[in-house]
Amino acid sequence: MTQEINRIKWKSRRGMRELDLLFRPIITNDIADFNDKDLMLFDEILDYDDQSLYDFIFKNMKLQSVEHEIFLKKILKK
């Protein structure tokens, strides 16, 4: 599991500073508490390009998956 978390930590580093700042606390404080499904969902979310994630978070545009939207809203509220 540690190897998977390390891979996701590296994957969470974004080209867009705003996203980096949003994901950093999740990676630093929360990811160790994620269960397997949470890790899978977060990993899938990180497959989106930066602009799609930015548009969802800051402009309320939709992602391709409602499950991803719900999970992302949940982890960003912490």
PDB file of N, CA and C in Angstrom:
ATOM      1  N   MET A   1       0.821  -1.198   0.000  1.00  0.00           N
ATOM      2  CA  MET A   1       0.000   0.000   0.000  1.00  0.00           C
ATOM      3  C   MET A   1       0.863   1.260   0.000  1.00  0.00           C
ATOM      4  N   THR A   2       1.976   1.251   0.686  1.00  0.00           N
ATOM      5  CA  THR A   2       2.844   2.420   0.746  1.00  0.00           C
ATOM      6  C   THR A   2       3.343   2.803  -0.643  1.00  0.00           C
ATOM      7  N   GLN A   3       3.672   1.816  -1.441  1.00  0.00           N
ATOM      8  CA  GLN A   3       4.144   2.092  -2.795  1.00  0.00           C
ATOM      9  C   GLN A   3       3.041   2.764  -3.614  1.00  0.00           C
ATOM     10  N   GLU A   4       1.819   2.312  -3.451  1.00  0.00           N
ATOM     11  CA  GLU A   4       0.676   2.905  -4.152  1.00  0.00           C
ATOM     12  C   GLU A   4       0.461   4.351  -3.707  1.00  0.00           C
ATOM     13  N   ILE A   5       0.556   4.593  -2.409  1.00  0.00           N
ATOM     14  CA  ILE A   5       0.393   5.959  -1.890  1.00  0.00           C
ATOM     15  C   ILE A   5       1.492   6.858  -2.431  1.00  0.00           C
ATOM     16  N   ASN A   6       2.723   6.375  -2.463  1.00  0.00           N
ATOM     17  CA  ASN A   6       3.831   7.176  -3.000  1.00  0.00           C
ATOM     18  C   ASN A   6       3.615   7.504  -4.474  1.00  0.00           C
ATOM     19  N   ARG A   7       3.104   6.537  -5.232  1.00  0.00           N
ATOM     20  CA  ARG A   7       2.831   6.773  -6.655  1.00  0.00           C
ATOM     21  C   ARG A   7       1.757   7.852  -6.807  1.00  0.00           C
ATOM     22  N   ILE A   8       0.718   7.778  -5.998  1.00  0.00           N
ATOM     23  CA  ILE A   8      -0.364   8.759  -6.075  1.00  0.00           C
ATOM     24  C   ILE A   8       0.121  10.137  -5.618  1.00  0.00           C
ATOM     25  N   LYS A   9       1.000  10.173  -4.626  1.00  0.00           N
ATOM     26  CA  LYS A   9       1.562  11.461  -4.178  1.00  0.00           C
ATOM     27  C   LYS A   9       2.281  12.154  -5.331  1.00  0.00           C
ATOM     28  N   TRP A  10       3.094  11.415  -6.079  1.00  0.00           N
ATOM     29  CA  TRP A  10       3.801  11.999  -7.209  1.00  0.00           C
ATOM     30  C   TRP A  10       2.829  12.410  -8.313  1.00  0.00           C
ATOM     31  N   LYS A  11       1.813  11.591  -8.515  1.00  0.00           N
ATOM     32  CA  LYS A  11       0.827  11.881  -9.546  1.00  0.00           C
ATOM     33  C   LYS A  11       0.012  13.130  -9.208  1.00  0.00           C
ATOM     34  N   SER A  12      -0.115  13.438  -7.928  1.00  0.00           N
ATOM     35  CA  SER A  12      -0.923  14.584  -7.503  1.00  0.00           C
ATOM     36  C   SER A  12      -0.228  15.920  -7.753  1.00  0.00           C
ATOM     37  N   ARG A  13       1.048  15.896  -8.040  1.00  0.00           N
ATOM     38  CA  ARG A  13       1.761  17.147  -8.341  1.00  0.00           C
ATOM     39  C   ARG A  13       1.284  17.652  -9.690  1.00  0.00           C
ATOM     40  N   ARG A  14       0.745  18.841  -9.702  1.00  0.00           N
ATOM     41  CA  ARG A  14       0.091  19.371 -10.888  1.00  0.00           C
ATOM     42  C   ARG A  14       0.886  20.521 -11.480  1.00  0.00           C
ATOM     43  N   GLY A  15       0.578  20.822 -12.724  1.00  0.00           N
ATOM     44  CA  GLY A  15       1.199  21.962 -13.383  1.00  0.00           C
ATOM     45  C   GLY A  15       0.524  23.268 -13.002  1.00  0.00           C
ATOM     46  N   MET A  16      -0.673  23.185 -12.484  1.00  0.00           N
ATOM     47  CA  MET A  16      -1.436  24.367 -12.105  1.00  0.00           C
ATOM     48  C   MET A  16      -1.301  24.581 -10.590  1.00  0.00           C
ATOM     49  N   ARG A  17      -0.754  25.704 -10.210  1.00  0.00           N
ATOM     50  CA  ARG A  17      -0.459  25.983  -8.791  1.00  0.00           C
ATOM     51  C   ARG A  17      -1.696  25.873  -7.901  1.00  0.00           C
ATOM     52  N   GLU A  18      -2.829  26.338  -8.393  1.00  0.00           N
ATOM     53  CA  GLU A  18      -4.059  26.295  -7.597  1.00  0.00           C
ATOM     54  C   GLU A  18      -4.404  24.860  -7.205  1.00  0.00           C
ATOM     55  N   LEU A  19      -4.238  23.949  -8.134  1.00  0.00           N
ATOM     56  CA  LEU A  19      -4.536  22.545  -7.842  1.00  0.00           C
ATOM     57  C   LEU A  19      -3.497  21.950  -6.898  1.00  0.00           C
ATOM     58  N   ASP A  20      -2.248  22.320  -7.101  1.00  0.00           N
ATOM     59  CA  ASP A  20      -1.195  21.869  -6.191  1.00  0.00           C
ATOM     60  C   ASP A  20      -1.530  22.268  -4.761  1.00  0.00           C
ATOM     61  N   LEU A  21      -1.958  23.504  -4.580  1.00  0.00           N
ATOM     62  CA  LEU A  21      -2.273  23.995  -3.239  1.00  0.00           C
ATOM     63  C   LEU A  21      -3.493  23.295  -2.646  1.00  0.00           C
ATOM     64  N   LEU A  22      -4.445  22.911  -3.472  1.00  0.00           N
ATOM     65  CA  LEU A  22      -5.619  22.191  -2.982  1.00  0.00           C
ATOM     66  C   LEU A  22      -5.302  20.742  -2.632  1.00  0.00           C
ATOM     67  N   PHE A  23      -4.468  20.106  -3.435  1.00  0.00           N
ATOM     68  CA  PHE A  23      -4.182  18.689  -3.226  1.00  0.00           C
ATOM     69  C   PHE A  23      -3.123  18.439  -2.154  1.00  0.00           C
ATOM     70  N   ARG A  24      -2.271  19.406  -1.895  1.00  0.00           N
ATOM     71  CA  ARG A  24      -1.174  19.213  -0.936  1.00  0.00           C
ATOM     72  C   ARG A  24      -1.674  18.772   0.452  1.00  0.00           C
ATOM     73  N   PRO A  25      -2.679  19.433   1.040  1.00  0.00           N
ATOM     74  CA  PRO A  25      -3.146  18.974   2.362  1.00  0.00           C
ATOM     75  C   PRO A  25      -3.755  17.564   2.324  1.00  0.00           C
ATOM     76  N   ILE A  26      -4.377  17.217   1.233  1.00  0.00           N
ATOM     77  CA  ILE A  26      -4.945  15.875   1.103  1.00  0.00           C
ATOM     78  C   ILE A  26      -3.824  14.845   1.115  1.00  0.00           C
ATOM     79  N   ILE A  27      -2.790  15.114   0.353  1.00  0.00           N
ATOM     80  CA  ILE A  27      -1.650  14.203   0.269  1.00  0.00           C
ATOM     81  C   ILE A  27      -0.888  14.157   1.589  1.00  0.00           C
ATOM     82  N   THR A  28      -0.758  15.285   2.236  1.00  0.00           N
ATOM     83  CA  THR A  28       0.003  15.356   3.479  1.00  0.00           C
ATOM     84  C   THR A  28      -0.756  14.783   4.668  1.00  0.00           C
ATOM     85  N   ASN A  29      -2.053  15.085   4.764  1.00  0.00           N
ATOM     86  CA  ASN A  29      -2.798  14.757   5.984  1.00  0.00           C
ATOM     87  C   ASN A  29      -3.801  13.618   5.852  1.00  0.00           C
ATOM     88  N   ASP A  30      -4.405  13.464   4.693  1.00  0.00           N
ATOM     89  CA  ASP A  30      -5.568  12.585   4.585  1.00  0.00           C
ATOM     90  C   ASP A  30      -5.327  11.246   3.897  1.00  0.00           C
ATOM     91  N   ILE A  31      -4.382  11.190   2.989  1.00  0.00           N
ATOM     92  CA  ILE A  31      -4.261  10.009   2.128  1.00  0.00           C
ATOM     93  C   ILE A  31      -3.964   8.734   2.921  1.00  0.00           C
ATOM     94  N   ALA A  32      -3.280   8.848   4.040  1.00  0.00           N
ATOM     95  CA  ALA A  32      -2.969   7.657   4.843  1.00  0.00           C
ATOM     96  C   ALA A  32      -4.239   7.007   5.396  1.00  0.00           C
ATOM     97  N   ASP A  33      -5.311   7.784   5.511  1.00  0.00           N
ATOM     98  CA  ASP A  33      -6.581   7.266   6.032  1.00  0.00           C
ATOM     99  C   ASP A  33      -7.513   6.764   4.937  1.00  0.00           C
ATOM    100  N   PHE A  34      -7.132   6.920   3.681  1.00  0.00           N
ATOM    101  CA  PHE A  34      -7.979   6.472   2.575  1.00  0.00           C
ATOM    102  C   PHE A  34      -8.052   4.946   2.560  1.00  0.00           C
ATOM    103  N   ASN A  35      -9.224   4.431   2.282  1.00  0.00           N
ATOM    104  CA  ASN A  35      -9.338   2.995   2.060  1.00  0.00           C
ATOM    105  C   ASN A  35      -9.011   2.705   0.593  1.00  0.00           C
ATOM    106  N   ASP A  36      -9.075   1.451   0.199  1.00  0.00           N
ATOM    107  CA  ASP A  36      -8.702   1.077  -1.173  1.00  0.00           C
ATOM    108  C   ASP A  36      -9.569   1.777  -2.216  1.00  0.00           C
ATOM    109  N   LYS A  37     -10.870   1.881  -1.947  1.00  0.00           N
ATOM    110  CA  LYS A  37     -11.764   2.538  -2.904  1.00  0.00           C
ATOM    111  C   LYS A  37     -11.442   4.025  -3.017  1.00  0.00           C
ATOM    112  N   ASP A  38     -11.167   4.685  -1.882  1.00  0.00           N
ATOM    113  CA  ASP A  38     -10.804   6.097  -1.905  1.00  0.00           C
ATOM    114  C   ASP A  38      -9.527   6.317  -2.712  1.00  0.00           C
ATOM    115  N   LEU A  39      -8.551   5.450  -2.503  1.00  0.00           N
ATOM    116  CA  LEU A  39      -7.299   5.555  -3.268  1.00  0.00           C
ATOM    117  C   LEU A  39      -7.562   5.395  -4.764  1.00  0.00           C
ATOM    118  N   MET A  40      -8.404   4.430  -5.108  1.00  0.00           N
ATOM    119  CA  MET A  40      -8.722   4.203  -6.513  1.00  0.00           C
ATOM    120  C   MET A  40      -9.414   5.434  -7.106  1.00  0.00           C
ATOM    121  N   LEU A  41     -10.393   5.986  -6.386  1.00  0.00           N
ATOM    122  CA  LEU A  41     -11.105   7.163  -6.886  1.00  0.00           C
ATOM    123  C   LEU A  41     -10.173   8.361  -7.028  1.00  0.00           C
ATOM    124  N   PHE A  42      -9.333   8.592  -6.034  1.00  0.00           N
ATOM    125  CA  PHE A  42      -8.411   9.720  -6.106  1.00  0.00           C
ATOM    126  C   PHE A  42      -7.429   9.534  -7.265  1.00  0.00           C
ATOM    127  N   ASP A  43      -6.963   8.325  -7.450  1.00  0.00           N
ATOM    128  CA  ASP A  43      -6.073   8.023  -8.567  1.00  0.00           C
ATOM    129  C   ASP A  43      -6.765   8.309  -9.900  1.00  0.00           C
ATOM    130  N   GLU A  44      -8.016   7.902 -10.030  1.00  0.00           N
ATOM    131  CA  GLU A  44      -8.779   8.169 -11.262  1.00  0.00           C
ATOM    132  C   GLU A  44      -8.990   9.663 -11.465  1.00  0.00           C
ATOM    133  N   ILE A  45      -9.261  10.385 -10.400  1.00  0.00           N
ATOM    134  CA  ILE A  45      -9.452  11.841 -10.487  1.00  0.00           C
ATOM    135  C   ILE A  45      -8.183  12.511 -10.989  1.00  0.00           C
ATOM    136  N   LEU A  46      -7.041  12.012 -10.556  1.00  0.00           N
ATOM    137  CA  LEU A  46      -5.776  12.605 -10.977  1.00  0.00           C
ATOM    138  C   LEU A  46      -5.471  12.356 -12.450  1.00  0.00           C
ATOM    139  N   ASP A  47      -6.255  11.491 -13.094  1.00  0.00           N
ATOM    140  CA  ASP A  47      -6.095  11.274 -14.530  1.00  0.00           C
ATOM    141  C   ASP A  47      -6.702  12.411 -15.358  1.00  0.00           C
ATOM    142  N   TYR A  48      -7.573  13.212 -14.741  1.00  0.00           N
ATOM    143  CA  TYR A  48      -8.139  14.353 -15.462  1.00  0.00           C
ATOM    144  C   TYR A  48      -7.045  15.384 -15.713  1.00  0.00           C
ATOM    145  N   ASP A  49      -7.184  16.121 -16.797  1.00  0.00           N
ATOM    146  CA  ASP A  49      -6.227  17.196 -17.038  1.00  0.00           C
ATOM    147  C   ASP A  49      -6.503  18.339 -16.061  1.00  0.00           C
ATOM    148  N   ASP A  50      -5.509  19.186 -15.872  1.00  0.00           N
ATOM    149  CA  ASP A  50      -5.613  20.284 -14.908  1.00  0.00           C
ATOM    150  C   ASP A  50      -6.797  21.194 -15.191  1.00  0.00           C
ATOM    151  N   GLN A  51      -7.025  21.508 -16.440  1.00  0.00           N
ATOM    152  CA  GLN A  51      -8.094  22.452 -16.773  1.00  0.00           C
ATOM    153  C   GLN A  51      -9.468  21.889 -16.400  1.00  0.00           C
ATOM    154  N   SER A  52      -9.685  20.605 -16.620  1.00  0.00           N
ATOM    155  CA  SER A  52     -10.963  19.981 -16.257  1.00  0.00           C
ATOM    156  C   SER A  52     -11.177  20.026 -14.745  1.00  0.00           C
ATOM    157  N   LEU A  53     -10.126  19.727 -13.991  1.00  0.00           N
ATOM    158  CA  LEU A  53     -10.235  19.784 -12.531  1.00  0.00           C
ATOM    159  C   LEU A  53     -10.472  21.218 -12.058  1.00  0.00           C
ATOM    160  N   TYR A  54      -9.741  22.153 -12.631  1.00  0.00           N
ATOM    161  CA  TYR A  54      -9.921  23.563 -12.272  1.00  0.00           C
ATOM    162  C   TYR A  54     -11.344  24.017 -12.569  1.00  0.00           C
ATOM    163  N   ASP A  55     -11.838  23.674 -13.743  1.00  0.00           N
ATOM    164  CA  ASP A  55     -13.194  24.064 -14.125  1.00  0.00           C
ATOM    165  C   ASP A  55     -14.236  23.458 -13.193  1.00  0.00           C
ATOM    166  N   PHE A  56     -14.030  22.234 -12.769  1.00  0.00           N
ATOM    167  CA  PHE A  56     -14.980  21.614 -11.844  1.00  0.00           C
ATOM    168  C   PHE A  56     -14.944  22.313 -10.486  1.00  0.00           C
ATOM    169  N   ILE A  57     -13.759  22.529  -9.958  1.00  0.00           N
ATOM    170  CA  ILE A  57     -13.614  23.078  -8.609  1.00  0.00           C
ATOM    171  C   ILE A  57     -14.016  24.547  -8.545  1.00  0.00           C
ATOM    172  N   PHE A  58     -13.593  25.337  -9.525  1.00  0.00           N
ATOM    173  CA  PHE A  58     -13.775  26.784  -9.429  1.00  0.00           C
ATOM    174  C   PHE A  58     -14.922  27.329 -10.284  1.00  0.00           C
ATOM    175  N   LYS A  59     -15.375  26.560 -11.263  1.00  0.00           N
ATOM    176  CA  LYS A  59     -16.425  27.061 -12.154  1.00  0.00           C
ATOM    177  C   LYS A  59     -17.669  26.171 -12.163  1.00  0.00           C
ATOM    178  N   ASN A  60     -17.706  25.180 -11.277  1.00  0.00           N
ATOM    179  CA  ASN A  60     -18.848  24.266 -11.159  1.00  0.00           C
ATOM    180  C   ASN A  60     -19.219  23.572 -12.462  1.00  0.00           C
ATOM    181  N   MET A  61     -18.235  23.267 -13.285  1.00  0.00           N
ATOM    182  CA  MET A  61     -18.485  22.497 -14.493  1.00  0.00           C
ATOM    183  C   MET A  61     -18.416  21.012 -14.133  1.00  0.00           C
ATOM    184  N   LYS A  62     -18.994  20.185 -14.946  1.00  0.00           N
ATOM    185  CA  LYS A  62     -19.086  18.750 -14.664  1.00  0.00           C
ATOM    186  C   LYS A  62     -17.810  18.006 -15.057  1.00  0.00           C
ATOM    187  N   LEU A  63     -17.566  16.916 -14.324  1.00  0.00           N
ATOM    188  CA  LEU A  63     -16.544  15.952 -14.713  1.00  0.00           C
ATOM    189  C   LEU A  63     -17.247  14.829 -15.468  1.00  0.00           C
ATOM    190  N   GLN A  64     -16.504  13.862 -15.922  1.00  0.00           N
ATOM    191  CA  GLN A  64     -17.087  12.756 -16.673  1.00  0.00           C
ATOM    192  C   GLN A  64     -17.816  11.761 -15.780  1.00  0.00           C
ATOM    193  N   SER A  65     -17.584  11.828 -14.480  1.00  0.00           N
ATOM    194  CA  SER A  65     -18.166  10.858 -13.562  1.00  0.00           C
ATOM    195  C   SER A  65     -18.755  11.560 -12.339  1.00  0.00           C
ATOM    196  N   VAL A  66     -19.996  11.263 -12.043  1.00  0.00           N
ATOM    197  CA  VAL A  66     -20.643  11.816 -10.856  1.00  0.00           C
ATOM    198  C   VAL A  66     -19.955  11.300  -9.599  1.00  0.00           C
ATOM    199  N   GLU A  67     -19.512  10.050  -9.628  1.00  0.00           N
ATOM    200  CA  GLU A  67     -18.806   9.481  -8.476  1.00  0.00           C
ATOM    201  C   GLU A  67     -17.526  10.266  -8.179  1.00  0.00           C
ATOM    202  N   HIS A  68     -16.811  10.667  -9.218  1.00  0.00           N
ATOM    203  CA  HIS A  68     -15.607  11.480  -9.032  1.00  0.00           C
ATOM    204  C   HIS A  68     -15.964  12.848  -8.455  1.00  0.00           C
ATOM    205  N   GLU A  69     -17.038  13.436  -8.941  1.00  0.00           N
ATOM    206  CA  GLU A  69     -17.470  14.738  -8.443  1.00  0.00           C
ATOM    207  C   GLU A  69     -17.793  14.676  -6.955  1.00  0.00           C
ATOM    208  N   ILE A  70     -18.547  13.665  -6.556  1.00  0.00           N
ATOM    209  CA  ILE A  70     -18.942  13.515  -5.153  1.00  0.00           C
ATOM    210  C   ILE A  70     -17.711  13.315  -4.272  1.00  0.00           C
ATOM    211  N   PHE A  71     -16.813  12.448  -4.697  1.00  0.00           N
ATOM    212  CA  PHE A  71     -15.618  12.176  -3.907  1.00  0.00           C
ATOM    213  C   PHE A  71     -14.737  13.417  -3.800  1.00  0.00           C
ATOM    214  N   LEU A  72     -14.548  14.110  -4.891  1.00  0.00           N
ATOM    215  CA  LEU A  72     -13.703  15.304  -4.877  1.00  0.00           C
ATOM    216  C   LEU A  72     -14.288  16.392  -3.979  1.00  0.00           C
ATOM    217  N   LYS A  73     -15.584  16.588  -4.027  1.00  0.00           N
ATOM    218  CA  LYS A  73     -16.228  17.549  -3.133  1.00  0.00           C
ATOM    219  C   LYS A  73     -16.018  17.140  -1.680  1.00  0.00           C
ATOM    220  N   LYS A  74     -16.145  15.857  -1.394  1.00  0.00           N
ATOM    221  CA  LYS A  74     -15.992  15.356  -0.027  1.00  0.00           C
ATOM    222  C   LYS A  74     -14.576  15.608   0.505  1.00  0.00           C
ATOM    223  N   ILE A  75     -13.567  15.302  -0.284  1.00  0.00           N
ATOM    224  CA  ILE A  75     -12.197  15.448   0.235  1.00  0.00           C
ATOM    225  C   ILE A  75     -11.759  16.906   0.274  1.00  0.00           C
ATOM    226  N   LEU A  76     -12.324  17.743  -0.561  1.00  0.00           N
ATOM    227  CA  LEU A  76     -11.942  19.158  -0.536  1.00  0.00           C
ATOM    228  C   LEU A  76     -12.601  19.910   0.617  1.00  0.00           C
ATOM    229  N   LYS A  77     -13.677  19.377   1.168  1.00  0.00           N
ATOM    230  CA  LYS A  77     -14.361  20.032   2.288  1.00  0.00           C
ATOM    231  C   LYS A  77     -13.605  19.874   3.604  1.00  0.00           C
ATOM    232  N   LYS A  78     -12.737  18.902   3.694  1.00  0.00           N
ATOM    233  CA  LYS A  78     -12.018  18.635   4.960  1.00  0.00           C
ATOM    234  C   LYS A  78     -11.128  19.763   5.348  1.00  0.00           C
TER     235      LYS A  78
END
